[in-house]
């Protein structure tokens, strides 16, 4: 089954809010979920992948488009804390 891609528009918010909200959104998402974060905070392309990486969330792509950025994140397919690792 292919992961569903969701978009979270966080333009207008400044760090650390884009990173915190993206991480929170993915914490409630199923394993393998893909989230596209739209932001206009100049530090978000650095901060979001860094903060989410601490949770095992992969930054698939970071693209800047003028003053905006599009950050694509993926939650791991297998939970790191699962029993029977």
PDB file of N, CA and C in Angstrom:
ATOM      1  N   UNK A   1       0.845  -1.179   0.000  1.00  0.00           N
ATOM      2  CA  UNK A   1       0.000   0.000   0.000  1.00  0.00           C
ATOM      3  C   UNK A   1       0.890   1.241   0.000  1.00  0.00           C
ATOM      4  N   UNK A   2       0.547   2.202  -0.831  1.00  0.00           N
ATOM      5  CA  UNK A   2       1.331   3.427  -0.944  1.00  0.00           C
ATOM      6  C   UNK A   2       0.919   4.426   0.134  1.00  0.00           C
ATOM      7  N   UNK A   3       1.901   5.135   0.677  1.00  0.00           N
ATOM      8  CA  UNK A   3       1.637   6.113   1.739  1.00  0.00           C
ATOM      9  C   UNK A   3       0.864   7.305   1.187  1.00  0.00           C
ATOM     10  N   UNK A   4      -0.052   7.791   1.978  1.00  0.00           N
ATOM     11  CA  UNK A   4      -0.816   8.971   1.616  1.00  0.00           C
ATOM     12  C   UNK A   4       0.018  10.205   1.961  1.00  0.00           C
ATOM     13  N   UNK A   5       0.045  11.159   1.058  1.00  0.00           N
ATOM     14  CA  UNK A   5       0.797  12.387   1.270  1.00  0.00           C
ATOM     15  C   UNK A   5      -0.151  13.471   1.762  1.00  0.00           C
ATOM     16  N   UNK A   6       0.189  14.089   2.877  1.00  0.00           N
ATOM     17  CA  UNK A   6      -0.587  15.202   3.417  1.00  0.00           C
ATOM     18  C   UNK A   6       0.257  16.467   3.324  1.00  0.00           C
ATOM     19  N   UNK A   7      -0.422  17.615   3.272  1.00  0.00           N
ATOM     20  CA  UNK A   7       0.274  18.896   3.233  1.00  0.00           C
ATOM     21  C   UNK A   7      -0.108  19.706   4.458  1.00  0.00           C
ATOM     22  N   UNK A   8       0.900  20.285   5.092  1.00  0.00           N
ATOM     23  CA  UNK A   8       0.717  21.124   6.259  1.00  0.00           C
ATOM     24  C   UNK A   8       1.265  22.511   5.911  1.00  0.00           C
ATOM     25  N   UNK A   9       0.360  23.484   5.765  1.00  0.00           N
ATOM     26  CA  UNK A   9       0.762  24.839   5.382  1.00  0.00           C
ATOM     27  C   UNK A   9       1.076  25.637   6.647  1.00  0.00           C
ATOM     28  N   UNK A  10       2.349  25.873   6.885  1.00  0.00           N
ATOM     29  CA  UNK A  10       2.800  26.579   8.078  1.00  0.00           C
ATOM     30  C   UNK A  10       3.412  27.937   7.742  1.00  0.00           C
ATOM     31  N   UNK A  11       3.052  28.461   6.588  1.00  0.00           N
ATOM     32  CA  UNK A  11       3.552  29.790   6.209  1.00  0.00           C
ATOM     33  C   UNK A  11       3.025  30.818   7.199  1.00  0.00           C
ATOM     34  N   UNK A  12       3.900  31.736   7.566  1.00  0.00           N
ATOM     35  CA  UNK A  12       3.552  32.768   8.533  1.00  0.00           C
ATOM     36  C   UNK A  12       4.028  32.447   9.941  1.00  0.00           C
ATOM     37  N   UNK A  13       4.424  31.198  10.175  1.00  0.00           N
ATOM     38  CA  UNK A  13       4.936  30.799  11.492  1.00  0.00           C
ATOM     39  C   UNK A  13       6.453  30.811  11.480  1.00  0.00           C
ATOM     40  N   UNK A  14       7.042  31.194  12.585  1.00  0.00           N
ATOM     41  CA  UNK A  14       8.499  31.234  12.706  1.00  0.00           C
ATOM     42  C   UNK A  14       8.989  30.115  13.601  1.00  0.00           C
ATOM     43  N   UNK A  15      10.219  29.697  13.378  1.00  0.00           N
ATOM     44  CA  UNK A  15      10.828  28.625  14.161  1.00  0.00           C
ATOM     45  C   UNK A  15      10.854  29.010  15.629  1.00  0.00           C
ATOM     46  N   UNK A  16      10.600  28.010  16.451  1.00  0.00           N
ATOM     47  CA  UNK A  16      10.596  26.581  16.185  1.00  0.00           C
ATOM     48  C   UNK A  16       9.232  25.997  15.821  1.00  0.00           C
ATOM     49  N   UNK A  17       8.201  26.831  15.637  1.00  0.00           N
ATOM     50  CA  UNK A  17       6.863  26.292  15.410  1.00  0.00           C
ATOM     51  C   UNK A  17       6.736  25.355  14.211  1.00  0.00           C
ATOM     52  N   UNK A  18       7.284  25.652  13.022  1.00  0.00           N
ATOM     53  CA  UNK A  18       7.139  24.697  11.923  1.00  0.00           C
ATOM     54  C   UNK A  18       7.705  23.309  12.259  1.00  0.00           C
ATOM     55  N   UNK A  19       8.838  23.268  12.900  1.00  0.00           N
ATOM     56  CA  UNK A  19       9.442  21.978  13.257  1.00  0.00           C
ATOM     57  C   UNK A  19       8.610  21.257  14.309  1.00  0.00           C
ATOM     58  N   UNK A  20       8.161  21.976  15.319  1.00  0.00           N
ATOM     59  CA  UNK A  20       7.371  21.351  16.383  1.00  0.00           C
ATOM     60  C   UNK A  20       6.035  20.840  15.866  1.00  0.00           C
ATOM     61  N   UNK A  21       5.377  21.616  15.025  1.00  0.00           N
ATOM     62  CA  UNK A  21       4.072  21.196  14.499  1.00  0.00           C
ATOM     63  C   UNK A  21       4.199  20.045  13.513  1.00  0.00           C
ATOM     64  N   UNK A  22       5.248  20.045  12.694  1.00  0.00           N
ATOM     65  CA  UNK A  22       5.465  18.925  11.771  1.00  0.00           C
ATOM     66  C   UNK A  22       5.731  17.648  12.549  1.00  0.00           C
ATOM     67  N   UNK A  23       6.573  17.733  13.561  1.00  0.00           N
ATOM     68  CA  UNK A  23       6.897  16.557  14.377  1.00  0.00           C
ATOM     69  C   UNK A  23       5.648  16.050  15.097  1.00  0.00           C
ATOM     70  N   UNK A  24       4.857  16.963  15.625  1.00  0.00           N
ATOM     71  CA  UNK A  24       3.621  16.586  16.325  1.00  0.00           C
ATOM     72  C   UNK A  24       2.633  15.920  15.367  1.00  0.00           C
ATOM     73  N   UNK A  25       2.498  16.489  14.173  1.00  0.00           N
ATOM     74  CA  UNK A  25       1.581  15.925  13.178  1.00  0.00           C
ATOM     75  C   UNK A  25       1.984  14.491  12.828  1.00  0.00           C
ATOM     76  N   UNK A  26       3.271  14.281  12.593  1.00  0.00           N
ATOM     77  CA  UNK A  26       3.737  12.941  12.220  1.00  0.00           C
ATOM     78  C   UNK A  26       3.709  11.971  13.396  1.00  0.00           C
ATOM     79  N   UNK A  27       3.739  12.468  14.625  1.00  0.00           N
ATOM     80  CA  UNK A  27       3.670  11.553  15.773  1.00  0.00           C
ATOM     81  C   UNK A  27       2.308  10.862  15.840  1.00  0.00           C
ATOM     82  N   UNK A  28       1.286  11.481  15.257  1.00  0.00           N
ATOM     83  CA  UNK A  28      -0.059  10.906  15.241  1.00  0.00           C
ATOM     84  C   UNK A  28      -0.368  10.190  13.925  1.00  0.00           C
ATOM     85  N   UNK A  29       0.546  10.227  12.986  1.00  0.00           N
ATOM     86  CA  UNK A  29       0.340   9.625  11.671  1.00  0.00           C
ATOM     87  C   UNK A  29       0.795   8.161  11.686  1.00  0.00           C
ATOM     88  N   UNK A  30       0.261   7.357  10.770  1.00  0.00           N
ATOM     89  CA  UNK A  30       0.696   5.962  10.697  1.00  0.00           C
ATOM     90  C   UNK A  30       2.125   5.843  10.166  1.00  0.00           C
ATOM     91  N   UNK A  31       2.753   4.720  10.443  1.00  0.00           N
ATOM     92  CA  UNK A  31       4.104   4.460   9.936  1.00  0.00           C
ATOM     93  C   UNK A  31       4.096   4.561   8.415  1.00  0.00           C
ATOM     94  N   UNK A  32       5.113   5.194   7.871  1.00  0.00           N
ATOM     95  CA  UNK A  32       5.230   5.355   6.428  1.00  0.00           C
ATOM     96  C   UNK A  32       4.550   6.603   5.886  1.00  0.00           C
ATOM     97  N   UNK A  33       3.876   7.363   6.748  1.00  0.00           N
ATOM     98  CA  UNK A  33       3.171   8.567   6.306  1.00  0.00           C
ATOM     99  C   UNK A  33       4.152   9.589   5.740  1.00  0.00           C
ATOM    100  N   UNK A  34       3.700  10.311   4.724  1.00  0.00           N
ATOM    101  CA  UNK A  34       4.502  11.362   4.089  1.00  0.00           C
ATOM    102  C   UNK A  34       3.805  12.695   4.349  1.00  0.00           C
ATOM    103  N   UNK A  35       4.590  13.676   4.792  1.00  0.00           N
ATOM    104  CA  UNK A  35       4.068  15.000   5.097  1.00  0.00           C
ATOM    105  C   UNK A  35       4.866  16.039   4.329  1.00  0.00           C
ATOM    106  N   UNK A  36       4.160  16.917   3.615  1.00  0.00           N
ATOM    107  CA  UNK A  36       4.788  18.040   2.926  1.00  0.00           C
ATOM    108  C   UNK A  36       4.521  19.280   3.768  1.00  0.00           C
ATOM    109  N   UNK A  37       5.575  19.942   4.202  1.00  0.00           N
ATOM    110  CA  UNK A  37       5.472  21.150   5.009  1.00  0.00           C
ATOM    111  C   UNK A  37       5.787  22.347   4.122  1.00  0.00           C
ATOM    112  N   UNK A  38       4.849  23.285   4.074  1.00  0.00           N
ATOM    113  CA  UNK A  38       5.059  24.536   3.351  1.00  0.00           C
ATOM    114  C   UNK A  38       5.358  25.611   4.383  1.00  0.00           C
ATOM    115  N   UNK A  39       6.438  26.354   4.177  1.00  0.00           N
ATOM    116  CA  UNK A  39       6.850  27.364   5.149  1.00  0.00           C
ATOM    117  C   UNK A  39       7.554  28.520   4.453  1.00  0.00           C
ATOM    118  N   UNK A  40       7.500  29.677   5.103  1.00  0.00           N
ATOM    119  CA  UNK A  40       8.236  30.832   4.588  1.00  0.00           C
ATOM    120  C   UNK A  40       9.280  31.317   5.598  1.00  0.00           C
ATOM    121  N   UNK A  41       9.492  30.521   6.638  1.00  0.00           N
ATOM    122  CA  UNK A  41      10.523  30.857   7.620  1.00  0.00           C
ATOM    123  C   UNK A  41      11.884  30.483   7.029  1.00  0.00           C
ATOM    124  N   UNK A  42      12.818  31.420   6.933  1.00  0.00           N
ATOM    125  CA  UNK A  42      14.105  31.130   6.300  1.00  0.00           C
ATOM    126  C   UNK A  42      14.926  30.053   7.012  1.00  0.00           C
ATOM    127  N   UNK A  43      14.688  29.819   8.303  1.00  0.00           N
ATOM    128  CA  UNK A  43      15.451  28.797   9.034  1.00  0.00           C
ATOM    129  C   UNK A  43      14.797  27.417   8.988  1.00  0.00           C
ATOM    130  N   UNK A  44      13.549  27.330   8.581  1.00  0.00           N
ATOM    131  CA  UNK A  44      12.821  26.057   8.590  1.00  0.00           C
ATOM    132  C   UNK A  44      13.480  24.963   7.740  1.00  0.00           C
ATOM    133  N   UNK A  45      14.029  25.263   6.551  1.00  0.00           N
ATOM    134  CA  UNK A  45      14.664  24.190   5.779  1.00  0.00           C
ATOM    135  C   UNK A  45      15.842  23.524   6.508  1.00  0.00           C
ATOM    136  N   UNK A  46      16.387  24.200   7.501  1.00  0.00           N
ATOM    137  CA  UNK A  46      17.460  23.622   8.317  1.00  0.00           C
ATOM    138  C   UNK A  46      16.876  23.000   9.579  1.00  0.00           C
ATOM    139  N   UNK A  47      16.019  23.753  10.266  1.00  0.00           N
ATOM    140  CA  UNK A  47      15.497  23.329  11.567  1.00  0.00           C
ATOM    141  C   UNK A  47      14.530  22.153  11.495  1.00  0.00           C
ATOM    142  N   UNK A  48      13.622  22.150  10.520  1.00  0.00           N
ATOM    143  CA  UNK A  48      12.616  21.091  10.458  1.00  0.00           C
ATOM    144  C   UNK A  48      13.268  19.719  10.255  1.00  0.00           C
ATOM    145  N   UNK A  49      14.119  19.522   9.237  1.00  0.00           N
ATOM    146  CA  UNK A  49      14.754  18.206   9.089  1.00  0.00           C
ATOM    147  C   UNK A  49      15.623  17.820  10.297  1.00  0.00           C
ATOM    148  N   UNK A  50      16.295  18.800  10.898  1.00  0.00           N
ATOM    149  CA  UNK A  50      17.152  18.513  12.050  1.00  0.00           C
ATOM    150  C   UNK A  50      16.336  18.024  13.240  1.00  0.00           C
ATOM    151  N   UNK A  51      15.285  18.783  13.602  1.00  0.00           N
ATOM    152  CA  UNK A  51      14.470  18.406  14.758  1.00  0.00           C
ATOM    153  C   UNK A  51      13.708  17.105  14.518  1.00  0.00           C
ATOM    154  N   UNK A  52      13.163  16.938  13.326  1.00  0.00           N
ATOM    155  CA  UNK A  52      12.413  15.722  13.027  1.00  0.00           C
ATOM    156  C   UNK A  52      13.341  14.503  12.957  1.00  0.00           C
ATOM    157  N   UNK A  53      14.573  14.732  12.526  1.00  0.00           N
ATOM    158  CA  UNK A  53      15.541  13.636  12.451  1.00  0.00           C
ATOM    159  C   UNK A  53      15.801  12.985  13.794  1.00  0.00           C
ATOM    160  N   UNK A  54      15.665  13.742  14.865  1.00  0.00           N
ATOM    161  CA  UNK A  54      15.842  13.177  16.202  1.00  0.00           C
ATOM    162  C   UNK A  54      14.747  12.183  16.558  1.00  0.00           C
ATOM    163  N   UNK A  55      13.636  12.231  15.839  1.00  0.00           N
ATOM    164  CA  UNK A  55      12.528  11.300  16.050  1.00  0.00           C
ATOM    165  C   UNK A  55      12.566  10.168  15.036  1.00  0.00           C
ATOM    166  N   UNK A  56      13.602  10.118  14.214  1.00  0.00           N
ATOM    167  CA  UNK A  56      13.701   9.078  13.191  1.00  0.00           C
ATOM    168  C   UNK A  56      12.929   9.405  11.927  1.00  0.00           C
ATOM    169  N   UNK A  57      12.438  10.632  11.805  1.00  0.00           N
ATOM    170  CA  UNK A  57      11.682  11.054  10.631  1.00  0.00           C
ATOM    171  C   UNK A  57      12.673  11.468   9.548  1.00  0.00           C
ATOM    172  N   UNK A  58      12.470  10.959   8.346  1.00  0.00           N
ATOM    173  CA  UNK A  58      13.386  11.206   7.236  1.00  0.00           C
ATOM    174  C   UNK A  58      12.955  12.427   6.425  1.00  0.00           C
ATOM    175  N   UNK A  59      13.894  13.304   6.140  1.00  0.00           N
ATOM    176  CA  UNK A  59      13.654  14.419   5.223  1.00  0.00           C
ATOM    177  C   UNK A  59      13.941  13.905   3.819  1.00  0.00           C
ATOM    178  N   UNK A  60      12.895  13.712   3.033  1.00  0.00           N
ATOM    179  CA  UNK A  60      13.034  13.183   1.679  1.00  0.00           C
ATOM    180  C   UNK A  60      13.520  14.261   0.723  1.00  0.00           C
ATOM    181  N   UNK A  61      12.979  15.475   0.894  1.00  0.00           N
ATOM    182  CA  UNK A  61      13.346  16.562  -0.010  1.00  0.00           C
ATOM    183  C   UNK A  61      13.158  17.901   0.697  1.00  0.00           C
ATOM    184  N   UNK A  62      14.058  18.809   0.423  1.00  0.00           N
ATOM    185  CA  UNK A  62      13.940  20.199   0.876  1.00  0.00           C
ATOM    186  C   UNK A  62      14.150  21.063  -0.361  1.00  0.00           C
ATOM    187  N   UNK A  63      13.100  21.776  -0.748  1.00  0.00           N
ATOM    188  CA  UNK A  63      13.167  22.610  -1.948  1.00  0.00           C
ATOM    189  C   UNK A  63      12.785  24.037  -1.594  1.00  0.00           C
ATOM    190  N   UNK A  64      13.613  24.969  -2.004  1.00  0.00           N
ATOM    191  CA  UNK A  64      13.311  26.394  -1.803  1.00  0.00           C
ATOM    192  C   UNK A  64      12.723  26.943  -3.096  1.00  0.00           C
ATOM    193  N   UNK A  65      11.671  27.733  -2.928  1.00  0.00           N
ATOM    194  CA  UNK A  65      11.008  28.373  -4.070  1.00  0.00           C
ATOM    195  C   UNK A  65      10.839  29.845  -3.714  1.00  0.00           C
ATOM    196  N   UNK A  66      11.844  30.655  -4.019  1.00  0.00           N
ATOM    197  CA  UNK A  66      11.820  32.062  -3.625  1.00  0.00           C
ATOM    198  C   UNK A  66      11.909  32.169  -2.110  1.00  0.00           C
ATOM    199  N   UNK A  67      10.947  32.848  -1.495  1.00  0.00           N
ATOM    200  CA  UNK A  67      10.928  32.994  -0.039  1.00  0.00           C
ATOM    201  C   UNK A  67      10.277  31.803   0.661  1.00  0.00           C
ATOM    202  N   UNK A  68       9.732  30.882  -0.109  1.00  0.00           N
ATOM    203  CA  UNK A  68       9.040  29.724   0.461  1.00  0.00           C
ATOM    204  C   UNK A  68       9.903  28.475   0.373  1.00  0.00           C
ATOM    205  N   UNK A  69       9.561  27.522   1.231  1.00  0.00           N
ATOM    206  CA  UNK A  69      10.243  26.226   1.192  1.00  0.00           C
ATOM    207  C   UNK A  69       9.191  25.131   1.255  1.00  0.00           C
ATOM    208  N   UNK A  70       9.511  24.023   0.626  1.00  0.00           N
ATOM    209  CA  UNK A  70       8.669  22.823   0.619  1.00  0.00           C
ATOM    210  C   UNK A  70       9.538  21.697   1.165  1.00  0.00           C
ATOM    211  N   UNK A  71       9.159  21.182   2.338  1.00  0.00           N
ATOM    212  CA  UNK A  71       9.948  20.158   3.011  1.00  0.00           C
ATOM    213  C   UNK A  71       9.109  18.883   3.054  1.00  0.00           C
ATOM    214  N   UNK A  72       9.623  17.820   2.450  1.00  0.00           N
ATOM    215  CA  UNK A  72       8.899  16.552   2.413  1.00  0.00           C
ATOM    216  C   UNK A  72       9.524  15.608   3.424  1.00  0.00           C
ATOM    217  N   UNK A  73       8.695  15.126   4.351  1.00  0.00           N
ATOM    218  CA  UNK A  73       9.134  14.264   5.448  1.00  0.00           C
ATOM    219  C   UNK A  73       8.419  12.925   5.375  1.00  0.00           C
ATOM    220  N   UNK A  74       9.086  11.868   5.861  1.00  0.00           N
ATOM    221  CA  UNK A  74       8.454  10.547   5.921  1.00  0.00           C
ATOM    222  C   UNK A  74       8.706   9.921   7.283  1.00  0.00           C
ATOM    223  N   UNK A  75       7.621   9.459   7.889  1.00  0.00           N
ATOM    224  CA  UNK A  75       7.724   8.728   9.152  1.00  0.00           C
ATOM    225  C   UNK A  75       8.216   7.321   8.821  1.00  0.00           C
ATOM    226  N   UNK A  76       9.089   6.757   9.637  1.00  0.00           N
ATOM    227  CA  UNK A  76       9.596   5.411   9.353  1.00  0.00           C
ATOM    228  C   UNK A  76       8.454   4.402   9.228  1.00  0.00           C
ATOM    229  N   UNK A  77       8.646   3.434   8.341  1.00  0.00           N
ATOM    230  CA  UNK A  77       7.628   2.394   8.139  1.00  0.00           C
ATOM    231  C   UNK A  77       7.526   1.470   9.338  1.00  0.00           C
ATOM    232  N   UNK A  78       8.626   1.241  10.003  1.00  0.00           N
ATOM    233  CA  UNK A  78       8.642   0.357  11.169  1.00  0.00           C
ATOM    234  C   UNK A  78       8.978   1.207  12.386  1.00  0.00           C
ATOM    235  N   UNK A  79       8.132   1.153  13.385  1.00  0.00           N
ATOM    236  CA  UNK A  79       8.383   1.927  14.594  1.00  0.00           C
ATOM    237  C   UNK A  79       9.651   1.430  15.280  1.00  0.00           C
ATOM    238  N   UNK A  80      10.497   2.346  15.672  1.00  0.00           N
ATOM    239  CA  UNK A  80      11.763   2.000  16.318  1.00  0.00           C
ATOM    240  C   UNK A  80      11.552   1.354  17.684  1.00  0.00           C
ATOM    241  N   UNK A  81      10.435   1.667  18.345  1.00  0.00           N
ATOM    242  CA  UNK A  81      10.193   1.142  19.683  1.00  0.00           C
ATOM    243  C   UNK A  81       9.353  -0.132  19.675  1.00  0.00           C
ATOM    244  N   UNK A  82       9.159  -0.729  18.502  1.00  0.00           N
ATOM    245  CA  UNK A  82       8.279  -1.893  18.425  1.00  0.00           C
ATOM    246  C   UNK A  82       8.909  -3.096  19.118  1.00  0.00           C
ATOM    247  N   UNK A  83       8.062  -3.964  19.623  1.00  0.00           N
ATOM    248  CA  UNK A  83       8.509  -5.184  20.300  1.00  0.00           C
ATOM    249  C   UNK A  83       8.983  -6.171  19.239  1.00  0.00           C
ATOM    250  N   UNK A  84       9.999  -6.928  19.554  1.00  0.00           N
ATOM    251  CA  UNK A  84      10.504  -7.947  18.641  1.00  0.00           C
ATOM    252  C   UNK A  84      11.513  -7.431  17.648  1.00  0.00           C
ATOM    253  N   UNK A  85      12.174  -6.340  17.969  1.00  0.00           N
ATOM    254  CA  UNK A  85      13.196  -5.810  17.069  1.00  0.00           C
ATOM    255  C   UNK A  85      14.327  -6.753  16.939  1.00  0.00           C
TER     256      UNK A  85
END
